[in-house]
């Protein structure tokens, strides 16, 4: 049996599904998505929801611009400007000669 990848699963949040999505698709798109849903042994609506949520998460994770207000910006730059913390074990590891030399 095929199990959908974890990122395709829609989290069970305890929320009720009160909203509806109504989208128009081409016949070829419908056939493709239904075939994939059947192969995944997943209900069509769950498959579509899971794919949409997965893509939304991927797009939001790839954001490159974040807007911060003045206090958030100050906090952010203070964190960037602080001296780095290097754990002792990491210092010890990098003080030894490399095995690749």
N, C-alpha and C. Protein backbone atom coordinates (compact mmCIF):
# COMPACT_ATOMS: atom_id res chain seq x y z
N UNK A 1 0.84 -1.18 0.00
CA UNK A 1 0.00 0.00 0.00
C UNK A 1 0.88 1.24 0.00
N UNK A 2 0.49 2.22 -0.77
CA UNK A 2 1.23 3.48 -0.88
C UNK A 2 0.82 4.41 0.25
N UNK A 3 1.80 4.98 0.92
CA UNK A 3 1.54 5.99 1.94
C UNK A 3 2.01 7.33 1.41
N UNK A 4 1.16 8.32 1.47
CA UNK A 4 1.52 9.65 1.00
C UNK A 4 2.66 10.20 1.83
N UNK A 5 3.55 10.98 1.22
CA UNK A 5 4.63 11.61 1.98
C UNK A 5 4.07 12.48 3.09
N UNK A 6 4.87 12.64 4.13
CA UNK A 6 4.41 13.40 5.31
C UNK A 6 3.97 14.80 4.94
N UNK A 7 4.67 15.45 3.98
CA UNK A 7 4.30 16.82 3.66
C UNK A 7 3.00 16.89 2.86
N UNK A 8 2.50 15.76 2.37
CA UNK A 8 1.22 15.75 1.67
C UNK A 8 0.07 15.63 2.64
N UNK A 9 0.34 15.16 3.83
CA UNK A 9 -0.72 14.98 4.82
C UNK A 9 -1.19 16.33 5.33
N UNK A 10 -2.47 16.45 5.53
CA UNK A 10 -3.02 17.66 6.11
C UNK A 10 -3.14 17.42 7.61
N UNK A 11 -2.56 18.33 8.38
CA UNK A 11 -2.55 18.16 9.83
C UNK A 11 -3.96 18.11 10.39
N UNK A 12 -4.15 17.25 11.36
CA UNK A 12 -5.42 17.18 12.06
C UNK A 12 -5.37 18.20 13.18
N UNK A 13 -6.11 19.28 13.00
CA UNK A 13 -6.05 20.38 13.95
C UNK A 13 -7.26 20.41 14.87
N UNK A 14 -8.24 19.56 14.61
CA UNK A 14 -9.46 19.61 15.40
C UNK A 14 -10.44 20.64 14.87
N UNK A 15 -10.03 21.37 13.85
CA UNK A 15 -10.91 22.37 13.26
C UNK A 15 -11.94 21.68 12.38
N UNK A 16 -13.09 22.28 12.26
CA UNK A 16 -14.09 21.75 11.34
C UNK A 16 -13.85 22.35 9.97
N UNK A 17 -14.25 21.62 8.97
CA UNK A 17 -14.08 22.08 7.59
C UNK A 17 -15.35 22.79 7.16
N UNK A 18 -15.41 24.06 7.47
CA UNK A 18 -16.59 24.85 7.15
C UNK A 18 -16.48 25.59 5.83
N UNK A 19 -15.28 25.72 5.30
CA UNK A 19 -15.06 26.49 4.08
C UNK A 19 -15.01 25.57 2.87
N UNK A 20 -15.40 26.12 1.74
CA UNK A 20 -15.35 25.36 0.49
C UNK A 20 -14.47 26.08 -0.52
N UNK A 21 -13.74 25.31 -1.29
CA UNK A 21 -13.00 25.84 -2.42
C UNK A 21 -13.76 25.41 -3.66
N UNK A 22 -14.00 26.34 -4.54
CA UNK A 22 -14.69 26.04 -5.77
C UNK A 22 -13.80 26.51 -6.90
N UNK A 23 -13.16 25.58 -7.59
CA UNK A 23 -12.23 25.95 -8.66
C UNK A 23 -12.63 25.22 -9.95
N UNK A 24 -12.35 25.86 -11.05
CA UNK A 24 -12.60 25.24 -12.35
C UNK A 24 -11.28 24.69 -12.87
N UNK A 25 -11.35 23.50 -13.44
CA UNK A 25 -10.15 22.86 -13.98
C UNK A 25 -10.46 22.29 -15.36
N UNK A 26 -9.42 22.05 -16.11
CA UNK A 26 -9.56 21.40 -17.41
C UNK A 26 -9.75 19.91 -17.20
N UNK A 27 -10.34 19.26 -18.19
CA UNK A 27 -10.59 17.82 -18.09
C UNK A 27 -9.29 17.04 -17.90
N UNK A 28 -8.22 17.47 -18.59
CA UNK A 28 -6.95 16.76 -18.47
C UNK A 28 -6.36 16.92 -17.07
N UNK A 29 -6.53 18.10 -16.46
CA UNK A 29 -6.05 18.32 -15.10
C UNK A 29 -6.81 17.45 -14.11
N UNK A 30 -8.12 17.39 -14.30
CA UNK A 30 -8.96 16.57 -13.43
C UNK A 30 -8.54 15.11 -13.52
N UNK A 31 -8.33 14.62 -14.73
CA UNK A 31 -7.94 13.22 -14.92
C UNK A 31 -6.60 12.93 -14.27
N UNK A 32 -5.67 13.85 -14.44
CA UNK A 32 -4.33 13.67 -13.85
C UNK A 32 -4.38 13.60 -12.33
N UNK A 33 -5.09 14.55 -11.72
CA UNK A 33 -5.16 14.61 -10.25
C UNK A 33 -5.94 13.41 -9.71
N UNK A 34 -7.01 13.02 -10.38
CA UNK A 34 -7.78 11.84 -9.93
C UNK A 34 -6.95 10.57 -10.03
N UNK A 35 -6.15 10.45 -11.10
CA UNK A 35 -5.28 9.27 -11.24
C UNK A 35 -4.26 9.21 -10.11
N UNK A 36 -3.68 10.35 -9.79
CA UNK A 36 -2.69 10.40 -8.70
C UNK A 36 -3.36 10.10 -7.37
N UNK A 37 -4.55 10.62 -7.17
CA UNK A 37 -5.30 10.36 -5.94
C UNK A 37 -5.60 8.88 -5.80
N UNK A 38 -6.03 8.26 -6.90
CA UNK A 38 -6.31 6.82 -6.88
C UNK A 38 -5.05 6.02 -6.57
N UNK A 39 -3.94 6.38 -7.21
CA UNK A 39 -2.68 5.68 -6.99
C UNK A 39 -2.23 5.81 -5.54
N UNK A 40 -2.47 6.96 -4.96
CA UNK A 40 -2.08 7.21 -3.56
C UNK A 40 -3.09 6.61 -2.59
N UNK A 41 -4.18 6.05 -3.13
CA UNK A 41 -5.24 5.48 -2.30
C UNK A 41 -5.73 6.50 -1.27
N UNK A 42 -5.97 7.71 -1.78
CA UNK A 42 -6.40 8.83 -0.95
C UNK A 42 -7.68 9.39 -1.55
N UNK A 43 -8.58 9.81 -0.70
CA UNK A 43 -9.79 10.46 -1.21
C UNK A 43 -9.39 11.69 -2.01
N UNK A 44 -10.13 11.93 -3.09
CA UNK A 44 -9.80 13.03 -3.99
C UNK A 44 -9.69 14.36 -3.26
N UNK A 45 -10.67 14.69 -2.44
CA UNK A 45 -10.65 15.99 -1.74
C UNK A 45 -9.46 16.08 -0.79
N UNK A 46 -9.14 14.98 -0.11
CA UNK A 46 -7.98 14.98 0.79
C UNK A 46 -6.69 15.15 0.01
N UNK A 47 -6.63 14.51 -1.15
CA UNK A 47 -5.43 14.62 -1.99
C UNK A 47 -5.23 16.06 -2.45
N UNK A 48 -6.30 16.68 -2.95
CA UNK A 48 -6.22 18.06 -3.44
C UNK A 48 -5.86 19.01 -2.31
N UNK A 49 -6.52 18.86 -1.16
CA UNK A 49 -6.22 19.70 0.00
C UNK A 49 -4.77 19.54 0.42
N UNK A 50 -4.32 18.28 0.51
CA UNK A 50 -2.95 18.02 0.94
C UNK A 50 -1.93 18.61 -0.02
N UNK A 51 -2.18 18.47 -1.32
CA UNK A 51 -1.26 19.02 -2.31
C UNK A 51 -1.22 20.55 -2.22
N UNK A 52 -2.38 21.17 -2.06
CA UNK A 52 -2.44 22.62 -1.97
C UNK A 52 -1.74 23.13 -0.72
N UNK A 53 -1.97 22.47 0.40
CA UNK A 53 -1.34 22.88 1.66
C UNK A 53 0.18 22.67 1.59
N UNK A 54 0.60 21.57 1.00
CA UNK A 54 2.03 21.30 0.86
C UNK A 54 2.71 22.37 0.00
N UNK A 55 2.09 22.72 -1.11
CA UNK A 55 2.65 23.75 -1.98
C UNK A 55 2.66 25.11 -1.29
N UNK A 56 1.61 25.41 -0.55
CA UNK A 56 1.56 26.68 0.18
C UNK A 56 2.69 26.74 1.20
N UNK A 57 2.93 25.65 1.92
CA UNK A 57 4.02 25.63 2.91
C UNK A 57 5.37 25.83 2.23
N UNK A 58 5.56 25.18 1.07
CA UNK A 58 6.82 25.30 0.34
C UNK A 58 7.06 26.74 -0.10
N UNK A 59 6.04 27.37 -0.64
CA UNK A 59 6.17 28.75 -1.11
C UNK A 59 6.45 29.69 0.05
N UNK A 60 5.73 29.54 1.13
CA UNK A 60 5.94 30.42 2.28
C UNK A 60 7.31 30.21 2.91
N UNK A 61 7.82 28.99 2.86
CA UNK A 61 9.15 28.72 3.43
C UNK A 61 10.25 29.35 2.59
N UNK A 62 9.99 29.60 1.31
CA UNK A 62 10.99 30.17 0.42
C UNK A 62 10.97 31.70 0.40
N UNK A 63 10.23 32.30 1.30
CA UNK A 63 10.18 33.76 1.34
C UNK A 63 11.57 34.32 1.57
N UNK A 64 11.89 35.39 0.87
CA UNK A 64 13.20 36.00 1.03
C UNK A 64 13.11 37.40 1.61
N UNK A 65 11.92 37.93 1.75
CA UNK A 65 11.76 39.26 2.32
C UNK A 65 10.78 39.20 3.49
N UNK A 66 11.18 39.81 4.58
CA UNK A 66 10.34 39.86 5.76
C UNK A 66 10.26 41.31 6.21
N UNK A 67 9.08 41.78 6.49
CA UNK A 67 8.92 43.15 6.94
C UNK A 67 8.88 43.18 8.45
N UNK A 68 9.72 44.04 9.02
CA UNK A 68 9.79 44.19 10.46
C UNK A 68 9.55 45.65 10.83
N UNK A 69 8.86 45.85 11.94
CA UNK A 69 8.72 47.23 12.41
C UNK A 69 10.02 47.62 13.12
N UNK A 70 10.13 48.88 13.52
CA UNK A 70 11.40 49.39 14.08
C UNK A 70 11.90 48.58 15.29
N UNK A 71 11.07 48.28 16.30
CA UNK A 71 11.59 47.50 17.43
C UNK A 71 12.03 46.08 17.04
N UNK A 72 11.29 45.45 16.13
CA UNK A 72 11.69 44.11 15.67
C UNK A 72 13.00 44.17 14.91
N UNK A 73 13.17 45.22 14.07
CA UNK A 73 14.41 45.39 13.32
C UNK A 73 15.59 45.58 14.26
N UNK A 74 15.42 46.39 15.29
CA UNK A 74 16.50 46.61 16.26
C UNK A 74 16.89 45.31 16.94
N UNK A 75 15.90 44.54 17.35
CA UNK A 75 16.17 43.24 18.00
C UNK A 75 16.90 42.31 17.04
N UNK A 76 16.44 42.27 15.79
CA UNK A 76 17.05 41.41 14.77
C UNK A 76 18.51 41.78 14.54
N UNK A 77 18.78 43.08 14.34
CA UNK A 77 20.16 43.50 14.09
C UNK A 77 21.05 43.30 15.32
N UNK A 78 20.48 43.44 16.51
CA UNK A 78 21.26 43.18 17.72
C UNK A 78 21.67 41.71 17.78
N UNK A 79 20.78 40.82 17.39
CA UNK A 79 21.12 39.39 17.37
C UNK A 79 22.21 39.11 16.33
N UNK A 80 22.14 39.76 15.19
CA UNK A 80 23.16 39.56 14.15
C UNK A 80 24.51 40.13 14.56
N UNK A 81 24.50 41.21 15.31
CA UNK A 81 25.73 41.89 15.68
C UNK A 81 26.43 41.30 16.90
N UNK A 82 25.75 40.44 17.64
CA UNK A 82 26.39 39.88 18.83
C UNK A 82 27.53 38.95 18.43
N UNK A 83 28.52 38.79 19.31
CA UNK A 83 29.65 37.91 19.00
C UNK A 83 29.17 36.47 18.86
N UNK A 84 29.80 35.72 17.96
CA UNK A 84 29.38 34.33 17.78
C UNK A 84 29.72 33.49 19.01
N UNK A 85 28.91 32.50 19.26
CA UNK A 85 29.17 31.54 20.34
C UNK A 85 29.63 30.25 19.69
N UNK A 86 30.86 29.86 19.99
CA UNK A 86 31.39 28.62 19.43
C UNK A 86 31.51 27.61 20.57
N UNK A 87 30.74 26.53 20.51
CA UNK A 87 30.82 25.51 21.57
C UNK A 87 32.23 24.94 21.69
N UNK A 88 32.61 24.61 22.92
CA UNK A 88 33.95 24.08 23.19
C UNK A 88 34.27 22.85 22.37
N UNK A 89 33.31 21.97 22.22
CA UNK A 89 33.54 20.74 21.44
C UNK A 89 33.85 21.05 19.99
N UNK A 90 33.23 22.07 19.45
CA UNK A 90 33.47 22.46 18.07
C UNK A 90 34.86 23.06 17.92
N UNK A 91 35.28 23.86 18.91
CA UNK A 91 36.64 24.42 18.89
C UNK A 91 37.66 23.29 18.91
N UNK A 92 37.44 22.29 19.75
CA UNK A 92 38.36 21.16 19.87
C UNK A 92 38.41 20.38 18.55
N UNK A 93 37.25 20.17 17.93
CA UNK A 93 37.19 19.43 16.67
C UNK A 93 37.99 20.13 15.58
N UNK A 94 37.82 21.44 15.45
CA UNK A 94 38.49 22.17 14.39
C UNK A 94 39.95 22.49 14.71
N UNK A 95 40.39 22.23 15.92
CA UNK A 95 41.81 22.47 16.26
C UNK A 95 42.66 21.27 15.84
N UNK A 96 42.04 20.15 15.50
CA UNK A 96 42.77 18.95 15.06
C UNK A 96 42.99 19.00 13.55
N UNK A 97 44.05 18.37 13.08
CA UNK A 97 44.30 18.31 11.63
C UNK A 97 43.15 17.56 10.94
N UNK A 98 42.86 17.98 9.72
CA UNK A 98 41.77 17.35 8.96
C UNK A 98 42.20 15.97 8.48
N UNK A 99 41.27 15.07 8.44
CA UNK A 99 41.55 13.72 7.92
C UNK A 99 41.65 13.75 6.40
N UNK A 100 41.27 14.84 5.76
CA UNK A 100 41.30 14.94 4.31
C UNK A 100 42.59 15.57 3.77
N UNK A 101 43.50 15.93 4.65
CA UNK A 101 44.74 16.55 4.18
C UNK A 101 45.79 15.51 3.96
